[in-house]
Amino acid sequence: MFKRKLASDVVMDLIVYVILTILAILMVIPFIYVIAASFATEADILSSPLFLFPPHPTVAAYKQIFDMSGMGAQVIRSLCVSIVITLVGTFINLFFTTTMAYGLSRSNLVGKKIVLNMVLFTMVFGGGMIPTFLLVKSLGMYDSYWSLIIPGAISAYNMLIIRNFFMDLPAGLEEAASIDGCTDIGIFIKIALPLSLPALATFGLFYAVGHWNAYFDALLYLNDQKKYPFQLVLRNMVMLSTENTTNDEELPKESLKMAVIVVGTVPILCVYPFLQKHFAAGVMVGAIKG
């Protein structure tokens, strides 16, 4: 028989649901407003502080972004650049992060404490922007896409978390694989990585969002405008609209800013549904029997 809830439990559940609903609304409304404002006219945005549907819908801002006679061609090219950088950069991030984390999770690794202390040192002290710029330039990566990927190939914080994840893997699985003749690389590829899919999906998404949203490194290291990533081109468009003195009909300013936010957010937002299933814990349930 089902146990009936006490009146105090029902009241507490109701309070929790109300609080969660209010928080959800507070988080969703700004995003809806940004989308609505991107389709609104300048007059609508300036006359109303908040609306969830544009009074006079228009796509003028999106036409300005994707205008092939203007900056539209550069926007499309920069979008392709950002997609490639995000895919390649995320793969490199996960490759170096997981391999280093797995190596440092092994108890028989010689000099593990020294390497860990070096990693921790980088989390506290950094060279700064100018030394990093000089290093990137001296390595021949200036004005190349590698300058956006290699300097941040490993996040020390993410590496330490994945290392702890590897350390928590059941030792019985690795011992059984070793008895069957599996090498360390085989254990890493066939056992450690499949069991760590939730961690890989989570940090892979963090890395991907970081690459997609990054523009400052491109501003520092890229000189050729044809190599600009998506976010830097959108940033330049916003700066251009702010400095432009033409009237609102020719160049929508506020609605253009909102459209830039939407265009820059939606592509990476579409990745979440594909990775959400890997976030659930319990992948290792049943991995060891008996």
C-alpha atoms as a PDB file:
ATOM      1  CA  MET A   1       0.000   0.000   0.000  1.00  0.00           C
ATOM      2  CA  PHE A   2       1.083   3.525  -0.740  1.00  0.00           C
ATOM      3  CA  LYS A   3       1.933   5.666   2.218  1.00  0.00           C
ATOM      4  CA  ARG A   4      -0.135   8.831   2.387  1.00  0.00           C
ATOM      5  CA  LYS A   5       1.791  12.070   2.567  1.00  0.00           C
ATOM      6  CA  LEU A   6       1.406  14.253   5.603  1.00  0.00           C
ATOM      7  CA  ALA A   7      -0.147  17.675   5.213  1.00  0.00           C
ATOM      8  CA  SER A   8       3.200  19.290   6.044  1.00  0.00           C
ATOM      9  CA  ASP A   9       4.880  17.305   3.241  1.00  0.00           C
ATOM     10  CA  VAL A  10       2.244  18.408   0.756  1.00  0.00           C
ATOM     11  CA  VAL A  11       2.673  22.039   1.764  1.00  0.00           C
ATOM     12  CA  MET A  12       6.458  21.758   1.500  1.00  0.00           C
ATOM     13  CA  ASP A  13       6.197  20.180  -1.970  1.00  0.00           C
ATOM     14  CA  LEU A  14       3.860  22.962  -3.049  1.00  0.00           C
ATOM     15  CA  ILE A  15       6.295  25.616  -1.817  1.00  0.00           C
ATOM     16  CA  VAL A  16       9.167  23.933  -3.652  1.00  0.00           C
ATOM     17  CA  TYR A  17       7.176  23.746  -6.899  1.00  0.00           C
ATOM     18  CA  VAL A  18       6.170  27.412  -6.625  1.00  0.00           C
ATOM     19  CA  ILE A  19       9.762  28.514  -6.015  1.00  0.00           C
ATOM     20  CA  LEU A  20      11.071  26.388  -8.911  1.00  0.00           C
ATOM     21  CA  THR A  21       8.343  27.718 -11.209  1.00  0.00           C
ATOM     22  CA  ILE A  22       9.182  31.326 -10.328  1.00  0.00           C
ATOM     23  CA  LEU A  23      12.899  30.702 -10.895  1.00  0.00           C
ATOM     24  CA  ALA A  24      12.176  29.016 -14.240  1.00  0.00           C
ATOM     25  CA  ILE A  25      10.053  31.957 -15.360  1.00  0.00           C
ATOM     26  CA  LEU A  26      12.724  34.448 -14.300  1.00  0.00           C
ATOM     27  CA  MET A  27      15.284  32.541 -16.394  1.00  0.00           C
ATOM     28  CA  VAL A  28      13.098  32.001 -19.462  1.00  0.00           C
ATOM     29  CA  ILE A  29      11.546  35.467 -19.783  1.00  0.00           C
ATOM     30  CA  PRO A  30      14.839  37.293 -20.595  1.00  0.00           C
ATOM     31  CA  PHE A  31      15.635  34.758 -23.306  1.00  0.00           C
ATOM     32  CA  ILE A  32      12.137  35.124 -24.801  1.00  0.00           C
ATOM     33  CA  TYR A  33      12.516  38.902 -24.691  1.00  0.00           C
ATOM     34  CA  VAL A  34      15.824  38.737 -26.559  1.00  0.00           C
ATOM     35  CA  ILE A  35      14.226  36.629 -29.301  1.00  0.00           C
ATOM     36  CA  ALA A  36      11.205  38.919 -29.502  1.00  0.00           C
ATOM     37  CA  ALA A  37      13.355  42.058 -29.560  1.00  0.00           C
ATOM     38  CA  SER A  38      15.439  40.643 -32.397  1.00  0.00           C
ATOM     39  CA  PHE A  39      12.269  40.663 -34.540  1.00  0.00           C
ATOM     40  CA  ALA A  40      11.052  44.056 -33.278  1.00  0.00           C
ATOM     41  CA  THR A  41      11.577  47.519 -34.698  1.00  0.00           C
ATOM     42  CA  GLU A  42      13.773  50.107 -33.045  1.00  0.00           C
ATOM     43  CA  ALA A  43      10.718  52.103 -32.032  1.00  0.00           C
ATOM     44  CA  ASP A  44       9.161  49.096 -30.308  1.00  0.00           C
ATOM     45  CA  ILE A  45      12.320  48.415 -28.283  1.00  0.00           C
ATOM     46  CA  LEU A  46      12.770  52.042 -27.267  1.00  0.00           C
ATOM     47  CA  SER A  47       9.113  52.547 -26.359  1.00  0.00           C
ATOM     48  CA  SER A  48       8.568  49.376 -24.319  1.00  0.00           C
ATOM     49  CA  PRO A  49      10.943  48.112 -21.605  1.00  0.00           C
ATOM     50  CA  LEU A  50       9.669  44.508 -21.839  1.00  0.00           C
ATOM     51  CA  PHE A  51       7.537  42.526 -24.264  1.00  0.00           C
ATOM     52  CA  LEU A  52       7.276  38.831 -25.105  1.00  0.00           C
ATOM     53  CA  PHE A  53       5.992  39.304 -28.659  1.00  0.00           C
ATOM     54  CA  PRO A  54       7.120  42.016 -31.090  1.00  0.00           C
ATOM     55  CA  PRO A  55       4.277  44.529 -31.744  1.00  0.00           C
ATOM     56  CA  HIS A  56       5.489  45.082 -35.322  1.00  0.00           C
ATOM     57  CA  PRO A  57       7.487  41.963 -36.378  1.00  0.00           C
ATOM     58  CA  THR A  58      10.341  42.502 -38.801  1.00  0.00           C
ATOM     59  CA  VAL A  59      13.429  40.599 -39.938  1.00  0.00           C
ATOM     60  CA  ALA A  60      15.472  43.708 -40.696  1.00  0.00           C
ATOM     61  CA  ALA A  61      18.149  42.821 -38.154  1.00  0.00           C
ATOM     62  CA  TYR A  62      18.640  39.329 -39.570  1.00  0.00           C
ATOM     63  CA  LYS A  63      18.747  40.730 -43.090  1.00  0.00           C
ATOM     64  CA  GLN A  64      21.526  43.043 -41.915  1.00  0.00           C
ATOM     65  CA  ILE A  65      23.494  40.100 -40.475  1.00  0.00           C
ATOM     66  CA  PHE A  66      23.119  37.794 -43.490  1.00  0.00           C
ATOM     67  CA  ASP A  67      23.138  40.464 -46.193  1.00  0.00           C
ATOM     68  CA  MET A  68      25.371  38.863 -48.824  1.00  0.00           C
ATOM     69  CA  SER A  69      26.008  42.245 -50.440  1.00  0.00           C
ATOM     70  CA  GLY A  70      27.432  43.483 -47.140  1.00  0.00           C
ATOM     71  CA  MET A  71      28.902  41.397 -44.329  1.00  0.00           C
ATOM     72  CA  GLY A  72      26.725  38.356 -45.010  1.00  0.00           C
ATOM     73  CA  ALA A  73      29.474  36.491 -46.878  1.00  0.00           C
ATOM     74  CA  GLN A  74      31.887  37.097 -44.012  1.00  0.00           C
ATOM     75  CA  VAL A  75      29.270  35.918 -41.499  1.00  0.00           C
ATOM     76  CA  ILE A  76      28.777  32.622 -43.357  1.00  0.00           C
ATOM     77  CA  ARG A  77      32.533  32.120 -43.705  1.00  0.00           C
ATOM     78  CA  SER A  78      33.129  32.941 -40.042  1.00  0.00           C
ATOM     79  CA  LEU A  79      30.360  30.522 -39.061  1.00  0.00           C
ATOM     80  CA  CYS A  80      32.184  27.722 -40.888  1.00  0.00           C
ATOM     81  CA  VAL A  81      35.440  28.764 -39.210  1.00  0.00           C
ATOM     82  CA  SER A  82      33.861  28.635 -35.747  1.00  0.00           C
ATOM     83  CA  ILE A  83      32.337  25.209 -36.423  1.00  0.00           C
ATOM     84  CA  VAL A  84      35.714  23.798 -37.480  1.00  0.00           C
ATOM     85  CA  ILE A  85      37.545  25.410 -34.553  1.00  0.00           C
ATOM     86  CA  THR A  86      34.916  24.140 -32.114  1.00  0.00           C
ATOM     87  CA  LEU A  87      35.053  20.559 -33.430  1.00  0.00           C
ATOM     88  CA  VAL A  88      38.838  20.340 -33.756  1.00  0.00           C
ATOM     89  CA  GLY A  89      39.493  22.264 -30.542  1.00  0.00           C
ATOM     90  CA  THR A  90      37.075  20.145 -28.504  1.00  0.00           C
ATOM     91  CA  PHE A  91      38.621  16.928 -29.830  1.00  0.00           C
ATOM     92  CA  ILE A  92      42.119  18.132 -28.945  1.00  0.00           C
ATOM     93  CA  ASN A  93      40.928  19.294 -25.523  1.00  0.00           C
ATOM     94  CA  LEU A  94      39.356  15.950 -24.697  1.00  0.00           C
ATOM     95  CA  PHE A  95      42.273  13.957 -26.125  1.00  0.00           C
ATOM     96  CA  PHE A  96      44.961  15.681 -24.063  1.00  0.00           C
ATOM     97  CA  THR A  97      42.774  16.095 -20.995  1.00  0.00           C
ATOM     98  CA  THR A  98      41.723  12.432 -20.816  1.00  0.00           C
ATOM     99  CA  THR A  99      45.150  10.996 -21.622  1.00  0.00           C
ATOM    100  CA  MET A 100      46.876  13.145 -19.023  1.00  0.00           C
ATOM    101  CA  ALA A 101      44.135  12.526 -16.474  1.00  0.00           C
ATOM    102  CA  TYR A 102      44.300   8.766 -16.971  1.00  0.00           C
ATOM    103  CA  GLY A 103      48.084   8.722 -16.683  1.00  0.00           C
ATOM    104  CA  LEU A 104      48.014  10.743 -13.461  1.00  0.00           C
ATOM    105  CA  SER A 105      45.323   8.467 -12.036  1.00  0.00           C
ATOM    106  CA  ARG A 106      47.685   5.487 -12.128  1.00  0.00           C
ATOM    107  CA  SER A 107      49.293   4.757  -8.770  1.00  0.00           C
ATOM    108  CA  ASN A 108      52.437   3.288 -10.341  1.00  0.00           C
ATOM    109  CA  LEU A 109      53.291   6.380 -12.408  1.00  0.00           C
ATOM    110  CA  VAL A 110      56.815   7.588 -11.635  1.00  0.00           C
ATOM    111  CA  GLY A 111      56.965  11.299 -10.747  1.00  0.00           C
ATOM    112  CA  LYS A 112      53.193  11.674 -10.471  1.00  0.00           C
ATOM    113  CA  LYS A 113      53.370  14.076  -7.529  1.00  0.00           C
ATOM    114  CA  ILE A 114      55.803  16.359  -9.350  1.00  0.00           C
ATOM    115  CA  VAL A 115      53.544  16.561 -12.398  1.00  0.00           C
ATOM    116  CA  LEU A 116      50.470  17.165 -10.229  1.00  0.00           C
ATOM    117  CA  ASN A 117      52.226  19.988  -8.405  1.00  0.00           C
ATOM    118  CA  MET A 118      53.128  21.540 -11.757  1.00  0.00           C
ATOM    119  CA  VAL A 119      49.498  21.353 -12.821  1.00  0.00           C
ATOM    120  CA  LEU A 120      48.326  22.928  -9.571  1.00  0.00           C
ATOM    121  CA  PHE A 121      50.922  25.679 -10.000  1.00  0.00           C
ATOM    122  CA  THR A 122      49.359  26.685 -13.327  1.00  0.00           C
ATOM    123  CA  MET A 123      45.971  27.058 -11.612  1.00  0.00           C
ATOM    124  CA  VAL A 124      47.375  29.681  -9.234  1.00  0.00           C
ATOM    125  CA  PHE A 125      49.966  31.488 -11.357  1.00  0.00           C
ATOM    126  CA  GLY A 126      49.786  32.514 -15.010  1.00  0.00           C
ATOM    127  CA  GLY A 127      52.161  34.265 -17.368  1.00  0.00           C
ATOM    128  CA  GLY A 128      49.664  36.940 -18.359  1.00  0.00           C
ATOM    129  CA  MET A 129      48.421  38.212 -21.684  1.00  0.00           C
ATOM    130  CA  ILE A 130      51.633  39.772 -23.037  1.00  0.00           C
ATOM    131  CA  PRO A 131      53.963  36.825 -22.284  1.00  0.00           C
ATOM    132  CA  THR A 132      51.365  34.474 -23.753  1.00  0.00           C
ATOM    133  CA  PHE A 133      51.131  36.618 -26.885  1.00  0.00           C
ATOM    134  CA  LEU A 134      54.922  36.640 -27.264  1.00  0.00           C
ATOM    135  CA  LEU A 135      55.031  32.868 -26.783  1.00  0.00           C
ATOM    136  CA  VAL A 136      52.338  32.268 -29.388  1.00  0.00           C
ATOM    137  CA  LYS A 137      54.140  34.544 -31.834  1.00  0.00           C
ATOM    138  CA  SER A 138      57.546  32.951 -31.204  1.00  0.00           C
ATOM    139  CA  LEU A 139      56.063  29.488 -31.845  1.00  0.00           C
ATOM    140  CA  GLY A 140      54.864  30.612 -35.272  1.00  0.00           C
ATOM    141  CA  MET A 141      51.169  30.354 -34.449  1.00  0.00           C
ATOM    142  CA  TYR A 142      50.371  34.047 -34.910  1.00  0.00           C
ATOM    143  CA  ASP A 143      47.600  34.638 -37.460  1.00  0.00           C
ATOM    144  CA  SER A 144      46.783  30.912 -37.555  1.00  0.00           C
ATOM    145  CA  TYR A 145      43.883  28.910 -36.201  1.00  0.00           C
ATOM    146  CA  TRP A 146      46.244  26.945 -33.935  1.00  0.00           C
ATOM    147  CA  SER A 147      46.658  30.055 -31.802  1.00  0.00           C
ATOM    148  CA  LEU A 148      43.000  29.657 -30.821  1.00  0.00           C
ATOM    149  CA  ILE A 149      43.363  25.967 -29.918  1.00  0.00           C
ATOM    150  CA  ILE A 150      46.830  25.031 -28.664  1.00  0.00           C
ATOM    151  CA  PRO A 151      47.257  27.585 -25.805  1.00  0.00           C
ATOM    152  CA  GLY A 152      44.138  26.239 -24.105  1.00  0.00           C
ATOM    153  CA  ALA A 153      44.505  22.592 -25.075  1.00  0.00           C
ATOM    154  CA  ILE A 154      44.155  21.452 -21.454  1.00  0.00           C
ATOM    155  CA  SER A 155      42.156  22.905 -18.591  1.00  0.00           C
ATOM    156  CA  ALA A 156      43.895  22.003 -15.340  1.00  0.00           C
ATOM    157  CA  TYR A 157      40.635  22.082 -13.412  1.00  0.00           C
ATOM    158  CA  ASN A 158      38.819  19.801 -15.852  1.00  0.00           C
ATOM    159  CA  MET A 159      41.784  17.458 -15.994  1.00  0.00           C
ATOM    160  CA  LEU A 160      41.846  17.043 -12.217  1.00  0.00           C
ATOM    161  CA  ILE A 161      38.128  16.274 -12.087  1.00  0.00           C
ATOM    162  CA  ILE A 162      38.384  13.658 -14.846  1.00  0.00           C
ATOM    163  CA  ARG A 163      41.440  12.229 -13.072  1.00  0.00           C
ATOM    164  CA  ASN A 164      39.356  11.753  -9.928  1.00  0.00           C
ATOM    165  CA  PHE A 165      36.700  10.102 -12.069  1.00  0.00           C
ATOM    166  CA  PHE A 166      39.270   7.648 -13.447  1.00  0.00           C
ATOM    167  CA  MET A 167      40.546   6.955  -9.937  1.00  0.00           C
ATOM    168  CA  ASP A 168      37.045   5.924  -8.856  1.00  0.00           C
ATOM    169  CA  LEU A 169      36.726   3.303 -11.591  1.00  0.00           C
ATOM    170  CA  PRO A 170      36.488  -0.234 -10.186  1.00  0.00           C
ATOM    171  CA  ALA A 171      39.914  -1.807  -9.958  1.00  0.00           C
ATOM    172  CA  GLY A 172      38.380  -5.199 -10.669  1.00  0.00           C
ATOM    173  CA  LEU A 173      37.614  -4.256 -14.266  1.00  0.00           C
ATOM    174  CA  GLU A 174      41.198  -3.236 -14.965  1.00  0.00           C
ATOM    175  CA  GLU A 175      42.598  -6.312 -13.247  1.00  0.00           C
ATOM    176  CA  ALA A 176      40.324  -8.583 -15.280  1.00  0.00           C
ATOM    177  CA  ALA A 177      41.352  -6.836 -18.485  1.00  0.00           C
ATOM    178  CA  SER A 178      45.044  -7.167 -17.581  1.00  0.00           C
ATOM    179  CA  ILE A 179      44.619 -10.901 -16.945  1.00  0.00           C
ATOM    180  CA  ASP A 180      43.030 -11.211 -20.380  1.00  0.00           C
ATOM    181  CA  GLY A 181      46.155  -9.602 -21.873  1.00  0.00           C
ATOM    182  CA  CYS A 182      44.852  -6.071 -22.412  1.00  0.00           C
ATOM    183  CA  THR A 183      47.506  -3.353 -22.429  1.00  0.00           C
ATOM    184  CA  ASP A 184      47.282  -0.033 -20.604  1.00  0.00           C
ATOM    185  CA  ILE A 185      46.215   1.703 -23.817  1.00  0.00           C
ATOM    186  CA  GLY A 186      43.592  -0.987 -24.387  1.00  0.00           C
ATOM    187  CA  ILE A 187      42.239  -0.559 -20.868  1.00  0.00           C
ATOM    188  CA  PHE A 188      42.074   3.183 -21.411  1.00  0.00           C
ATOM    189  CA  ILE A 189      40.240   2.917 -24.749  1.00  0.00           C
ATOM    190  CA  LYS A 190      37.987  -0.093 -24.073  1.00  0.00           C
ATOM    191  CA  ILE A 191      37.169   0.377 -20.386  1.00  0.00           C
ATOM    192  CA  ALA A 192      38.021   3.804 -18.997  1.00  0.00           C
ATOM    193  CA  LEU A 193      36.631   5.916 -21.834  1.00  0.00           C
ATOM    194  CA  PRO A 194      33.304   4.060 -22.300  1.00  0.00           C
ATOM    195  CA  LEU A 195      32.618   4.183 -18.561  1.00  0.00           C
ATOM    196  CA  SER A 196      33.432   7.879 -18.409  1.00  0.00           C
ATOM    197  CA  LEU A 197      30.996   9.014 -21.120  1.00  0.00           C
ATOM    198  CA  PRO A 198      29.039  11.277 -18.707  1.00  0.00           C
ATOM    199  CA  ALA A 199      32.226  13.108 -17.728  1.00  0.00           C
ATOM    200  CA  LEU A 200      33.436  13.300 -21.330  1.00  0.00           C
ATOM    201  CA  ALA A 201      30.068  14.637 -22.526  1.00  0.00           C
ATOM    202  CA  THR A 202      29.938  17.236 -19.765  1.00  0.00           C
ATOM    203  CA  PHE A 203      33.445  18.589 -20.172  1.00  0.00           C
ATOM    204  CA  GLY A 204      33.313  18.226 -23.930  1.00  0.00           C
ATOM    205  CA  LEU A 205      30.297  20.499 -23.876  1.00  0.00           C
ATOM    206  CA  PHE A 206      32.144  22.966 -21.639  1.00  0.00           C
ATOM    207  CA  TYR A 207      35.091  22.980 -24.034  1.00  0.00           C
ATOM    208  CA  ALA A 208      32.819  23.364 -27.070  1.00  0.00           C
ATOM    209  CA  VAL A 209      30.916  26.298 -25.546  1.00  0.00           C
ATOM    210  CA  GLY A 210      34.233  27.925 -24.659  1.00  0.00           C
ATOM    211  CA  HIS A 211      35.524  27.632 -28.223  1.00  0.00           C
ATOM    212  CA  TRP A 212      32.245  28.803 -29.711  1.00  0.00           C
ATOM    213  CA  ASN A 213      31.965  31.896 -27.517  1.00  0.00           C
ATOM    214  CA  ALA A 214      35.641  32.887 -27.646  1.00  0.00           C
ATOM    215  CA  TYR A 215      36.498  36.048 -29.525  1.00  0.00           C
ATOM    216  CA  PHE A 216      39.231  37.767 -27.501  1.00  0.00           C
ATOM    217  CA  ASP A 217      41.974  35.318 -28.488  1.00  0.00           C
ATOM    218  CA  ALA A 218      41.030  35.801 -32.139  1.00  0.00           C
ATOM    219  CA  LEU A 219      41.168  39.552 -31.608  1.00  0.00           C
ATOM    220  CA  LEU A 220      44.726  39.178 -30.277  1.00  0.00           C
ATOM    221  CA  TYR A 221      46.205  36.532 -32.544  1.00  0.00           C
ATOM    222  CA  LEU A 222      44.417  36.848 -35.897  1.00  0.00           C
ATOM    223  CA  ASN A 223      45.323  39.558 -38.374  1.00  0.00           C
ATOM    224  CA  ASP A 224      43.529  38.287 -41.468  1.00  0.00           C
ATOM    225  CA  GLN A 225      39.825  39.166 -41.333  1.00  0.00           C
ATOM    226  CA  LYS A 226      39.008  36.158 -43.509  1.00  0.00           C
ATOM    227  CA  LYS A 227      40.088  33.951 -40.579  1.00  0.00           C
ATOM    228  CA  TYR A 228      37.866  35.665 -38.026  1.00  0.00           C
ATOM    229  CA  PRO A 229      35.551  33.307 -36.111  1.00  0.00           C
ATOM    230  CA  PHE A 230      31.833  33.854 -35.806  1.00  0.00           C
ATOM    231  CA  GLN A 231      31.795  35.643 -32.451  1.00  0.00           C
ATOM    232  CA  LEU A 232      34.442  38.168 -33.485  1.00  0.00           C
ATOM    233  CA  VAL A 233      32.532  39.060 -36.662  1.00  0.00           C
ATOM    234  CA  LEU A 234      29.321  39.510 -34.672  1.00  0.00           C
ATOM    235  CA  ARG A 235      31.187  41.615 -32.132  1.00  0.00           C
ATOM    236  CA  ASN A 236      32.497  43.851 -34.925  1.00  0.00           C
ATOM    237  CA  MET A 237      28.987  44.197 -36.325  1.00  0.00           C
ATOM    238  CA  VAL A 238      27.673  45.341 -32.948  1.00  0.00           C
ATOM    239  CA  MET A 239      30.519  47.822 -32.608  1.00  0.00           C
ATOM    240  CA  LEU A 240      29.838  49.089 -36.136  1.00  0.00           C
ATOM    241  CA  SER A 241      26.125  49.522 -35.441  1.00  0.00           C
ATOM    242  CA  THR A 242      26.905  51.425 -32.230  1.00  0.00           C
ATOM    243  CA  GLU A 243      29.261  53.832 -33.963  1.00  0.00           C
ATOM    244  CA  ASN A 244      27.139  54.253 -37.090  1.00  0.00           C
ATOM    245  CA  THR A 245      25.208  57.500 -37.337  1.00  0.00           C
ATOM    246  CA  THR A 246      22.636  56.431 -39.917  1.00  0.00           C
ATOM    247  CA  ASN A 247      18.954  56.321 -39.045  1.00  0.00           C
ATOM    248  CA  ASP A 248      17.284  53.327 -37.448  1.00  0.00           C
ATOM    249  CA  GLU A 249      15.540  52.210 -40.620  1.00  0.00           C
ATOM    250  CA  GLU A 250      18.854  51.805 -42.451  1.00  0.00           C
ATOM    251  CA  LEU A 251      20.741  50.115 -39.633  1.00  0.00           C
ATOM    252  CA  PRO A 252      18.747  48.773 -36.656  1.00  0.00           C
ATOM    253  CA  LYS A 253      20.937  49.077 -33.603  1.00  0.00           C
ATOM    254  CA  GLU A 254      19.160  47.550 -30.600  1.00  0.00           C
ATOM    255  CA  SER A 255      17.371  44.870 -32.596  1.00  0.00           C
ATOM    256  CA  LEU A 256      20.668  44.036 -34.314  1.00  0.00           C
ATOM    257  CA  LYS A 257      22.295  43.454 -30.930  1.00  0.00           C
ATOM    258  CA  MET A 258      19.471  41.111 -29.931  1.00  0.00           C
ATOM    259  CA  ALA A 259      19.680  39.282 -33.260  1.00  0.00           C
ATOM    260  CA  VAL A 260      23.415  38.855 -32.778  1.00  0.00           C
ATOM    261  CA  ILE A 261      22.755  37.227 -29.388  1.00  0.00           C
ATOM    262  CA  VAL A 262      20.238  34.842 -30.929  1.00  0.00           C
ATOM    263  CA  VAL A 263      22.448  33.927 -33.882  1.00  0.00           C
ATOM    264  CA  GLY A 264      25.424  33.380 -31.587  1.00  0.00           C
ATOM    265  CA  THR A 265      23.468  31.294 -29.064  1.00  0.00           C
ATOM    266  CA  VAL A 266      21.159  29.039 -31.067  1.00  0.00           C
ATOM    267  CA  PRO A 267      23.810  26.924 -32.874  1.00  0.00           C
ATOM    268  CA  ILE A 268      25.610  25.836 -29.700  1.00  0.00           C
ATOM    269  CA  LEU A 269      22.256  25.509 -27.909  1.00  0.00           C
ATOM    270  CA  CYS A 270      21.253  22.829 -30.408  1.00  0.00           C
ATOM    271  CA  VAL A 271      24.091  20.631 -29.133  1.00  0.00           C
ATOM    272  CA  TYR A 272      22.582  20.215 -25.667  1.00  0.00           C
ATOM    273  CA  PRO A 273      19.798  17.739 -26.578  1.00  0.00           C
ATOM    274  CA  PHE A 274      22.307  15.345 -28.138  1.00  0.00           C
ATOM    275  CA  LEU A 275      24.504  15.280 -25.023  1.00  0.00           C
ATOM    276  CA  GLN A 276      21.820  15.435 -22.378  1.00  0.00           C
ATOM    277  CA  LYS A 277      21.341  11.648 -22.239  1.00  0.00           C
ATOM    278  CA  HIS A 278      24.998  11.215 -21.249  1.00  0.00           C
ATOM    279  CA  PHE A 279      24.659  13.474 -18.233  1.00  0.00           C
ATOM    280  CA  ALA A 280      22.642  10.960 -16.261  1.00  0.00           C
ATOM    281  CA  ALA A 281      24.628   9.183 -13.597  1.00  0.00           C
ATOM    282  CA  GLY A 282      24.545   5.429 -13.207  1.00  0.00           C
ATOM    283  CA  VAL A 283      26.407   4.392 -16.339  1.00  0.00           C
ATOM    284  CA  MET A 284      28.522   2.087 -14.186  1.00  0.00           C
ATOM    285  CA  VAL A 285      25.542   0.371 -12.558  1.00  0.00           C
ATOM    286  CA  GLY A 286      25.975  -3.330 -13.150  1.00  0.00           C
ATOM    287  CA  ALA A 287      29.527  -2.976 -14.465  1.00  0.00           C
ATOM    288  CA  ILE A 288      30.739  -5.413 -11.782  1.00  0.00           C
ATOM    289  CA  LYS A 289      28.757  -8.517 -11.000  1.00  0.00           C
ATOM    290  CA  GLY A 290      29.129 -10.900  -8.108  1.00  0.00           C
END
